[in-house]
Amino acid sequence: MSDYRSPDIVEEALRTAAAGYVAKADVASDMLMGVEAVLKGEHFLSASVASNYLTAFAERQRTQASPRNEIRRRHEVEFCPDDAGVVDRFARFSEAALSKGAAVIVAASHSHLASFFQRLKIDGMDVDAAIEAKNYIPLNVGDTLATFMQNDRADPVQFEKVTRELIMEAATDAKGCNRHVAVCGECAPTLLANGNSEAAVQVEQLWDEVARTYNVEILCEYQLSAFSGMGADHIFQRICAEHSAVYSP
């Protein structure tokens, strides 16, 4: 427990045997949860220190990314402070891919899909025509998860089947020519937000294999608020480890 919230101090505390870090201002709300987490063998960060610490960690991961790893596959992750950040980043990612002639698959919540649609229209894109031509393929994340999740775990065989069919469909344009495919989505982030961190890590591992196998470009977007509380830094680092590049706002 400390008044200090510097990411460097939090990191040093965790490196030198602390399993939890609670800011004094958060004692009333977080101390009991922190003690319970540590007794279970988990790690804990109180909310007021989690965001700064995780952002700093993400920045280090970005600067230390291996160039060789980047070439092998593009499976990137960005951590945003709020919904608006997620929408903005997905919209910019989609527009950049579409401008290069790629097809874009987006798996997101209903509200985010609606926001993407409006953002793309404002930016001058004929979204209806893009959907009709299968240049832009919007998918509801809940429906997508239902195609491969069983008993709170992803079925690897079903996941591979579903993603392969999606990518093969998107990879062929209206003239029958092959094209690059870019994917952005919230499958793993949705699982994490629902409290299923192990499945979130598993799904990131499966997407990483897709990036390697099919040479698709993948962007995952998480809100930093999902990483406060029990096991926050441990899960955060595991999520980062499954990506070729890590970005923070």
C-alpha atoms as a PDB file:
ATOM      1  CA  MET A   1       0.000   0.000   0.000  1.00  0.00           C
ATOM      2  CA  SER A   2       1.470   3.341  -1.013  1.00  0.00           C
ATOM      3  CA  ASP A   3       0.781   6.954  -1.920  1.00  0.00           C
ATOM      4  CA  TYR A   4       3.066   6.563  -4.929  1.00  0.00           C
ATOM      5  CA  ARG A   5       1.476   5.746  -8.290  1.00  0.00           C
ATOM      6  CA  SER A   6       4.502   6.016 -10.571  1.00  0.00           C
ATOM      7  CA  PRO A   7       4.652   3.078 -13.050  1.00  0.00           C
ATOM      8  CA  ASP A   8       8.367   2.627 -12.255  1.00  0.00           C
ATOM      9  CA  ILE A   9       7.682   2.243  -8.540  1.00  0.00           C
ATOM     10  CA  VAL A  10       4.777  -0.135  -9.140  1.00  0.00           C
ATOM     11  CA  GLU A  11       6.920  -2.242 -11.466  1.00  0.00           C
ATOM     12  CA  GLU A  12       9.811  -2.366  -8.990  1.00  0.00           C
ATOM     13  CA  ALA A  13       7.456  -3.431  -6.203  1.00  0.00           C
ATOM     14  CA  LEU A  14       6.043  -6.247  -8.311  1.00  0.00           C
ATOM     15  CA  ARG A  15       9.528  -7.292  -9.449  1.00  0.00           C
ATOM     16  CA  THR A  16      10.832  -7.532  -5.892  1.00  0.00           C
ATOM     17  CA  ALA A  17       8.194  -9.966  -4.593  1.00  0.00           C
ATOM     18  CA  ALA A  18       5.021  -7.922  -4.087  1.00  0.00           C
ATOM     19  CA  ALA A  19       1.961  -9.684  -5.477  1.00  0.00           C
ATOM     20  CA  GLY A  20      -0.343  -6.683  -5.159  1.00  0.00           C
ATOM     21  CA  TYR A  21      -0.183  -2.900  -5.164  1.00  0.00           C
ATOM     22  CA  VAL A  22      -2.925  -0.731  -3.646  1.00  0.00           C
ATOM     23  CA  ALA A  23      -2.922   3.064  -3.673  1.00  0.00           C
ATOM     24  CA  LYS A  24      -3.836   4.593  -0.312  1.00  0.00           C
ATOM     25  CA  ALA A  25      -6.709   6.466  -1.930  1.00  0.00           C
ATOM     26  CA  ASP A  26      -8.221   3.116  -2.957  1.00  0.00           C
ATOM     27  CA  VAL A  27      -7.872   1.295   0.376  1.00  0.00           C
ATOM     28  CA  ALA A  28     -11.585   1.333   1.176  1.00  0.00           C
ATOM     29  CA  SER A  29     -12.620  -0.172  -2.171  1.00  0.00           C
ATOM     30  CA  ASP A  30      -9.613  -2.308  -3.106  1.00  0.00           C
ATOM     31  CA  MET A  31      -7.714  -3.549  -0.053  1.00  0.00           C
ATOM     32  CA  LEU A  32      -9.962  -6.527   0.717  1.00  0.00           C
ATOM     33  CA  MET A  33     -10.066  -7.587  -2.961  1.00  0.00           C
ATOM     34  CA  GLY A  34      -6.276  -7.252  -3.109  1.00  0.00           C
ATOM     35  CA  VAL A  35      -5.732  -9.461  -0.061  1.00  0.00           C
ATOM     36  CA  GLU A  36      -8.163 -12.072  -1.399  1.00  0.00           C
ATOM     37  CA  ALA A  37      -6.378 -12.078  -4.788  1.00  0.00           C
ATOM     38  CA  VAL A  38      -2.939 -12.567  -3.209  1.00  0.00           C
ATOM     39  CA  LEU A  39      -4.223 -15.378  -0.976  1.00  0.00           C
ATOM     40  CA  LYS A  40      -5.419 -17.136  -4.144  1.00  0.00           C
ATOM     41  CA  GLY A  41      -1.956 -16.830  -5.671  1.00  0.00           C
ATOM     42  CA  GLU A  42      -3.022 -14.050  -8.066  1.00  0.00           C
ATOM     43  CA  HIS A  43      -1.687 -10.529  -8.660  1.00  0.00           C
ATOM     44  CA  PHE A  44      -3.649  -7.368  -7.974  1.00  0.00           C
ATOM     45  CA  LEU A  45      -3.424  -3.716  -9.026  1.00  0.00           C
ATOM     46  CA  SER A  46      -5.826  -1.108  -7.717  1.00  0.00           C
ATOM     47  CA  ALA A  47      -7.670   0.840 -10.396  1.00  0.00           C
ATOM     48  CA  SER A  48      -5.902   4.164  -9.881  1.00  0.00           C
ATOM     49  CA  VAL A  49      -2.456   2.681 -10.562  1.00  0.00           C
ATOM     50  CA  ALA A  50      -3.394   0.069 -13.166  1.00  0.00           C
ATOM     51  CA  SER A  51      -3.891   2.401 -16.133  1.00  0.00           C
ATOM     52  CA  ASN A  52      -0.544   4.222 -15.857  1.00  0.00           C
ATOM     53  CA  TYR A  53       1.391   1.044 -15.137  1.00  0.00           C
ATOM     54  CA  LEU A  54      -0.156  -0.937 -17.993  1.00  0.00           C
ATOM     55  CA  THR A  55       0.276   1.937 -20.453  1.00  0.00           C
ATOM     56  CA  ALA A  56       3.962   2.175 -19.548  1.00  0.00           C
ATOM     57  CA  PHE A  57       4.359  -1.577 -19.927  1.00  0.00           C
ATOM     58  CA  ALA A  58       2.691  -1.489 -23.352  1.00  0.00           C
ATOM     59  CA  GLU A  59       5.040   1.272 -24.489  1.00  0.00           C
ATOM     60  CA  ARG A  60       8.062  -0.805 -23.504  1.00  0.00           C
ATOM     61  CA  GLN A  61       6.664  -3.793 -25.367  1.00  0.00           C
ATOM     62  CA  ARG A  62       6.215  -1.637 -28.454  1.00  0.00           C
ATOM     63  CA  THR A  63       9.764  -0.275 -28.414  1.00  0.00           C
ATOM     64  CA  GLN A  64      11.249  -3.712 -27.741  1.00  0.00           C
ATOM     65  CA  ALA A  65       9.319  -5.528 -30.489  1.00  0.00           C
ATOM     66  CA  SER A  66      11.523  -7.720 -32.660  1.00  0.00           C
ATOM     67  CA  PRO A  67      11.755  -6.627 -36.319  1.00  0.00           C
ATOM     68  CA  ARG A  68      12.015 -10.279 -37.295  1.00  0.00           C
ATOM     69  CA  ASN A  69       8.824 -10.987 -35.375  1.00  0.00           C
ATOM     70  CA  GLU A  70       7.068  -8.154 -37.206  1.00  0.00           C
ATOM     71  CA  ILE A  71       7.944  -9.695 -40.566  1.00  0.00           C
ATOM     72  CA  ARG A  72       6.713 -13.127 -39.561  1.00  0.00           C
ATOM     73  CA  ARG A  73       3.170 -11.980 -38.819  1.00  0.00           C
ATOM     74  CA  ARG A  74       1.145  -8.871 -38.025  1.00  0.00           C
ATOM     75  CA  HIS A  75      -1.001  -9.518 -34.994  1.00  0.00           C
ATOM     76  CA  GLU A  76      -1.081  -6.237 -33.135  1.00  0.00           C
ATOM     77  CA  VAL A  77      -2.817  -4.981 -30.014  1.00  0.00           C
ATOM     78  CA  GLU A  78      -3.664  -1.505 -28.802  1.00  0.00           C
ATOM     79  CA  PHE A  79      -4.953  -0.455 -25.399  1.00  0.00           C
ATOM     80  CA  CYS A  80      -7.413   2.446 -25.401  1.00  0.00           C
ATOM     81  CA  PRO A  81      -8.829   4.504 -22.537  1.00  0.00           C
ATOM     82  CA  ASP A  82     -12.478   4.333 -23.649  1.00  0.00           C
ATOM     83  CA  ASP A  83     -15.050   3.378 -26.288  1.00  0.00           C
ATOM     84  CA  ALA A  84     -14.279   6.418 -28.405  1.00  0.00           C
ATOM     85  CA  GLY A  85     -10.651   5.350 -28.656  1.00  0.00           C
ATOM     86  CA  VAL A  86     -11.630   1.860 -29.792  1.00  0.00           C
ATOM     87  CA  VAL A  87     -13.969   3.204 -32.479  1.00  0.00           C
ATOM     88  CA  ASP A  88     -11.393   5.691 -33.745  1.00  0.00           C
ATOM     89  CA  ARG A  89      -8.601   3.116 -33.975  1.00  0.00           C
ATOM     90  CA  PHE A  90     -10.739   0.498 -35.711  1.00  0.00           C
ATOM     91  CA  ALA A  91     -12.016   3.098 -38.175  1.00  0.00           C
ATOM     92  CA  ARG A  92      -8.497   4.262 -39.039  1.00  0.00           C
ATOM     93  CA  PHE A  93      -7.307   0.663 -39.376  1.00  0.00           C
ATOM     94  CA  SER A  94     -10.220  -0.215 -41.676  1.00  0.00           C
ATOM     95  CA  GLU A  95      -9.819   2.875 -43.842  1.00  0.00           C
ATOM     96  CA  ALA A  96      -6.094   2.280 -44.277  1.00  0.00           C
ATOM     97  CA  ALA A  97      -6.648  -1.348 -45.310  1.00  0.00           C
ATOM     98  CA  LEU A  98      -9.503  -0.522 -47.684  1.00  0.00           C
ATOM     99  CA  SER A  99      -7.471   2.238 -49.337  1.00  0.00           C
ATOM    100  CA  LYS A 100      -4.858  -0.409 -50.221  1.00  0.00           C
ATOM    101  CA  GLY A 101      -7.439  -2.691 -51.817  1.00  0.00           C
ATOM    102  CA  ALA A 102      -7.689  -5.120 -48.910  1.00  0.00           C
ATOM    103  CA  ALA A 103     -10.892  -6.641 -47.579  1.00  0.00           C
ATOM    104  CA  VAL A 104     -11.704  -5.852 -43.943  1.00  0.00           C
ATOM    105  CA  ILE A 105     -13.438  -8.144 -41.453  1.00  0.00           C
ATOM    106  CA  VAL A 106     -14.662  -6.457 -38.261  1.00  0.00           C
ATOM    107  CA  ALA A 107     -16.021  -8.465 -35.312  1.00  0.00           C
ATOM    108  CA  ALA A 108     -17.360  -6.014 -32.743  1.00  0.00           C
ATOM    109  CA  SER A 109     -20.270  -5.196 -30.483  1.00  0.00           C
ATOM    110  CA  HIS A 110     -23.499  -3.914 -32.020  1.00  0.00           C
ATOM    111  CA  SER A 111     -22.870  -0.404 -30.694  1.00  0.00           C
ATOM    112  CA  HIS A 112     -19.304  -0.310 -31.998  1.00  0.00           C
ATOM    113  CA  LEU A 113     -20.371  -1.600 -35.421  1.00  0.00           C
ATOM    114  CA  ALA A 114     -22.955   1.189 -35.609  1.00  0.00           C
ATOM    115  CA  SER A 115     -20.313   3.745 -34.643  1.00  0.00           C
ATOM    116  CA  PHE A 116     -17.860   2.358 -37.242  1.00  0.00           C
ATOM    117  CA  PHE A 117     -20.576   2.563 -39.889  1.00  0.00           C
ATOM    118  CA  GLN A 118     -21.260   6.224 -39.140  1.00  0.00           C
ATOM    119  CA  ARG A 119     -17.570   7.096 -38.906  1.00  0.00           C
ATOM    120  CA  LEU A 120     -16.777   5.478 -42.269  1.00  0.00           C
ATOM    121  CA  LYS A 121     -19.717   7.285 -43.896  1.00  0.00           C
ATOM    122  CA  ILE A 122     -18.574  10.616 -42.462  1.00  0.00           C
ATOM    123  CA  ASP A 123     -15.112   9.945 -43.878  1.00  0.00           C
ATOM    124  CA  GLY A 124     -16.604   9.532 -47.355  1.00  0.00           C
ATOM    125  CA  MET A 125     -16.888   5.774 -47.702  1.00  0.00           C
ATOM    126  CA  ASP A 126     -19.925   4.163 -49.352  1.00  0.00           C
ATOM    127  CA  VAL A 127     -20.334   1.573 -46.619  1.00  0.00           C
ATOM    128  CA  ASP A 128     -23.396  -0.126 -48.094  1.00  0.00           C
ATOM    129  CA  ALA A 129     -21.564  -0.670 -51.397  1.00  0.00           C
ATOM    130  CA  ALA A 130     -18.496  -1.941 -49.555  1.00  0.00           C
ATOM    131  CA  ILE A 131     -20.621  -4.461 -47.653  1.00  0.00           C
ATOM    132  CA  GLU A 132     -22.379  -5.529 -50.852  1.00  0.00           C
ATOM    133  CA  ALA A 133     -19.008  -6.117 -52.546  1.00  0.00           C
ATOM    134  CA  LYS A 134     -17.711  -7.912 -49.433  1.00  0.00           C
ATOM    135  CA  ASN A 135     -14.904  -5.381 -49.132  1.00  0.00           C
ATOM    136  CA  TYR A 136     -16.136  -4.616 -45.615  1.00  0.00           C
ATOM    137  CA  ILE A 137     -17.555  -7.523 -43.598  1.00  0.00           C
ATOM    138  CA  PRO A 138     -19.105  -6.499 -40.244  1.00  0.00           C
ATOM    139  CA  LEU A 139     -19.787  -9.308 -37.747  1.00  0.00           C
ATOM    140  CA  ASN A 140     -21.501  -9.152 -34.381  1.00  0.00           C
ATOM    141  CA  VAL A 141     -18.934 -10.302 -31.847  1.00  0.00           C
ATOM    142  CA  GLY A 142     -21.464 -12.227 -29.759  1.00  0.00           C
ATOM    143  CA  ASP A 143     -22.641 -14.204 -32.780  1.00  0.00           C
ATOM    144  CA  THR A 144     -19.040 -14.814 -33.828  1.00  0.00           C
ATOM    145  CA  LEU A 145     -18.031 -16.132 -30.417  1.00  0.00           C
ATOM    146  CA  ALA A 146     -21.029 -18.473 -30.432  1.00  0.00           C
ATOM    147  CA  THR A 147     -19.663 -20.216 -33.536  1.00  0.00           C
ATOM    148  CA  PHE A 148     -16.582 -21.578 -31.766  1.00  0.00           C
ATOM    149  CA  MET A 149     -17.008 -21.248 -27.980  1.00  0.00           C
ATOM    150  CA  GLN A 150     -18.000 -24.375 -26.025  1.00  0.00           C
ATOM    151  CA  ASN A 151     -18.233 -24.560 -22.223  1.00  0.00           C
ATOM    152  CA  ASP A 152     -16.410 -21.236 -21.814  1.00  0.00           C
ATOM    153  CA  ARG A 153     -13.478 -22.406 -23.959  1.00  0.00           C
ATOM    154  CA  ALA A 154     -12.710 -21.984 -27.627  1.00  0.00           C
ATOM    155  CA  ASP A 155     -12.880 -25.154 -29.708  1.00  0.00           C
ATOM    156  CA  PRO A 156      -9.628 -24.924 -31.742  1.00  0.00           C
ATOM    157  CA  VAL A 157     -10.956 -27.056 -34.609  1.00  0.00           C
ATOM    158  CA  GLN A 158     -14.159 -25.062 -34.927  1.00  0.00           C
ATOM    159  CA  PHE A 159     -12.244 -21.780 -34.575  1.00  0.00           C
ATOM    160  CA  GLU A 160      -9.920 -22.747 -37.423  1.00  0.00           C
ATOM    161  CA  LYS A 161     -12.877 -23.766 -39.610  1.00  0.00           C
ATOM    162  CA  VAL A 162     -14.815 -20.553 -38.966  1.00  0.00           C
ATOM    163  CA  THR A 163     -11.859 -18.224 -39.496  1.00  0.00           C
ATOM    164  CA  ARG A 164     -10.619 -20.099 -42.575  1.00  0.00           C
ATOM    165  CA  GLU A 165     -14.018 -19.819 -44.254  1.00  0.00           C
ATOM    166  CA  LEU A 166     -14.259 -16.112 -43.427  1.00  0.00           C
ATOM    167  CA  ILE A 167     -10.784 -15.352 -44.719  1.00  0.00           C
ATOM    168  CA  MET A 168     -11.205 -17.393 -47.898  1.00  0.00           C
ATOM    169  CA  GLU A 169     -14.473 -15.601 -48.640  1.00  0.00           C
ATOM    170  CA  ALA A 170     -12.938 -12.172 -48.050  1.00  0.00           C
ATOM    171  CA  ALA A 171      -9.737 -12.959 -49.976  1.00  0.00           C
ATOM    172  CA  THR A 172     -11.505 -13.165 -53.341  1.00  0.00           C
ATOM    173  CA  ASP A 173     -12.878  -9.959 -54.862  1.00  0.00           C
ATOM    174  CA  ALA A 174     -15.838  -9.572 -57.231  1.00  0.00           C
ATOM    175  CA  LYS A 175     -13.588 -10.329 -60.239  1.00  0.00           C
ATOM    176  CA  GLY A 176     -12.266 -13.519 -58.692  1.00  0.00           C
ATOM    177  CA  CYS A 177      -8.846 -12.024 -57.933  1.00  0.00           C
ATOM    178  CA  ASN A 178      -6.984 -12.646 -54.686  1.00  0.00           C
ATOM    179  CA  ARG A 179      -6.522  -9.784 -52.253  1.00  0.00           C
ATOM    180  CA  HIS A 180      -5.078  -9.115 -48.826  1.00  0.00           C
ATOM    181  CA  VAL A 181      -7.326  -9.487 -45.762  1.00  0.00           C
ATOM    182  CA  ALA A 182      -7.258  -7.361 -42.608  1.00  0.00           C
ATOM    183  CA  VAL A 183      -9.124  -8.307 -39.435  1.00  0.00           C
ATOM    184  CA  CYS A 184      -9.961  -6.173 -36.429  1.00  0.00           C
ATOM    185  CA  GLY A 185     -12.116  -7.301 -33.591  1.00  0.00           C
ATOM    186  CA  GLU A 186     -13.181  -7.725 -30.008  1.00  0.00           C
ATOM    187  CA  CYS A 187     -13.500 -11.491 -29.561  1.00  0.00           C
ATOM    188  CA  ALA A 188     -10.819 -11.862 -26.890  1.00  0.00           C
ATOM    189  CA  PRO A 189     -11.537  -8.415 -25.334  1.00  0.00           C
ATOM    190  CA  THR A 190     -15.211  -9.390 -24.959  1.00  0.00           C
ATOM    191  CA  LEU A 191     -14.261 -12.618 -23.191  1.00  0.00           C
ATOM    192  CA  LEU A 192     -11.957 -10.681 -20.863  1.00  0.00           C
ATOM    193  CA  ALA A 193     -14.640  -8.084 -20.123  1.00  0.00           C
ATOM    194  CA  ASN A 194     -16.979 -10.950 -19.217  1.00  0.00           C
ATOM    195  CA  GLY A 195     -14.457 -12.299 -16.700  1.00  0.00           C
ATOM    196  CA  ASN A 196     -13.119 -15.191 -18.791  1.00  0.00           C
ATOM    197  CA  SER A 197      -9.448 -14.224 -18.934  1.00  0.00           C
ATOM    198  CA  GLU A 198      -8.165 -17.719 -19.729  1.00  0.00           C
ATOM    199  CA  ALA A 199     -10.397 -17.980 -22.785  1.00  0.00           C
ATOM    200  CA  ALA A 200      -9.289 -14.484 -23.846  1.00  0.00           C
ATOM    201  CA  VAL A 201      -5.634 -15.589 -23.831  1.00  0.00           C
ATOM    202  CA  GLN A 202      -6.540 -18.813 -25.653  1.00  0.00           C
ATOM    203  CA  VAL A 203      -8.396 -16.916 -28.392  1.00  0.00           C
ATOM    204  CA  GLU A 204      -5.433 -14.552 -28.824  1.00  0.00           C
ATOM    205  CA  GLN A 205      -3.209 -17.609 -29.281  1.00  0.00           C
ATOM    206  CA  LEU A 206      -5.574 -18.956 -31.927  1.00  0.00           C
ATOM    207  CA  TRP A 207      -5.679 -15.618 -33.763  1.00  0.00           C
ATOM    208  CA  ASP A 208      -1.891 -15.551 -33.662  1.00  0.00           C
ATOM    209  CA  GLU A 209      -1.833 -18.872 -35.488  1.00  0.00           C
ATOM    210  CA  VAL A 210      -4.268 -17.477 -38.060  1.00  0.00           C
ATOM    211  CA  ALA A 211      -1.952 -14.513 -38.648  1.00  0.00           C
ATOM    212  CA  ARG A 212       0.969 -16.857 -39.251  1.00  0.00           C
ATOM    213  CA  THR A 213      -0.954 -19.313 -41.431  1.00  0.00           C
ATOM    214  CA  TYR A 214      -2.935 -16.985 -43.689  1.00  0.00           C
ATOM    215  CA  ASN A 215      -0.735 -13.876 -43.688  1.00  0.00           C
ATOM    216  CA  VAL A 216      -3.600 -11.656 -42.595  1.00  0.00           C
ATOM    217  CA  GLU A 217      -3.176  -8.417 -40.682  1.00  0.00           C
ATOM    218  CA  ILE A 218      -4.934  -8.486 -37.302  1.00  0.00           C
ATOM    219  CA  LEU A 219      -5.609  -5.666 -34.835  1.00  0.00           C
ATOM    220  CA  CYS A 220      -7.094  -6.277 -31.371  1.00  0.00           C
ATOM    221  CA  GLU A 221      -8.422  -3.440 -29.209  1.00  0.00           C
ATOM    222  CA  TYR A 222      -8.756  -3.529 -25.423  1.00  0.00           C
ATOM    223  CA  GLN A 223      -9.930  -0.899 -22.993  1.00  0.00           C
ATOM    224  CA  LEU A 224      -7.439  -0.362 -20.175  1.00  0.00           C
ATOM    225  CA  SER A 225     -10.244  -0.514 -17.620  1.00  0.00           C
ATOM    226  CA  ALA A 226     -10.499  -4.271 -18.268  1.00  0.00           C
ATOM    227  CA  PHE A 227      -7.109  -4.756 -16.581  1.00  0.00           C
ATOM    228  CA  SER A 228      -7.759  -3.427 -13.089  1.00  0.00           C
ATOM    229  CA  GLY A 229      -8.290  -5.776 -10.185  1.00  0.00           C
ATOM    230  CA  MET A 230      -7.309  -9.381  -9.583  1.00  0.00           C
ATOM    231  CA  GLY A 231      -4.531 -10.755 -11.744  1.00  0.00           C
ATOM    232  CA  ALA A 232      -4.494  -7.595 -13.847  1.00  0.00           C
ATOM    233  CA  ASP A 233      -0.794  -7.277 -14.636  1.00  0.00           C
ATOM    234  CA  HIS A 234      -0.354 -11.031 -15.180  1.00  0.00           C
ATOM    235  CA  ILE A 235      -3.200 -11.255 -17.700  1.00  0.00           C
ATOM    236  CA  PHE A 236      -2.077  -8.018 -19.347  1.00  0.00           C
ATOM    237  CA  GLN A 237       1.419  -9.374 -19.914  1.00  0.00           C
ATOM    238  CA  ARG A 238       0.059 -12.666 -21.257  1.00  0.00           C
ATOM    239  CA  ILE A 239      -2.145 -10.769 -23.720  1.00  0.00           C
ATOM    240  CA  CYS A 240       0.825  -8.645 -24.842  1.00  0.00           C
ATOM    241  CA  ALA A 241       2.972 -11.753 -25.333  1.00  0.00           C
ATOM    242  CA  GLU A 242       0.584 -13.108 -27.978  1.00  0.00           C
ATOM    243  CA  HIS A 243       1.054 -10.091 -30.269  1.00  0.00           C
ATOM    244  CA  SER A 244       3.764  -8.974 -32.658  1.00  0.00           C
ATOM    245  CA  ALA A 245       3.389  -5.317 -31.623  1.00  0.00           C
ATOM    246  CA  VAL A 246       1.860  -3.515 -28.648  1.00  0.00           C
ATOM    247  CA  TYR A 247       0.529   0.052 -28.705  1.00  0.00           C
ATOM    248  CA  SER A 248      -0.860   2.368 -26.074  1.00  0.00           C
ATOM    249  CA  PRO A 249      -2.556   5.768 -26.519  1.00  0.00           C
END
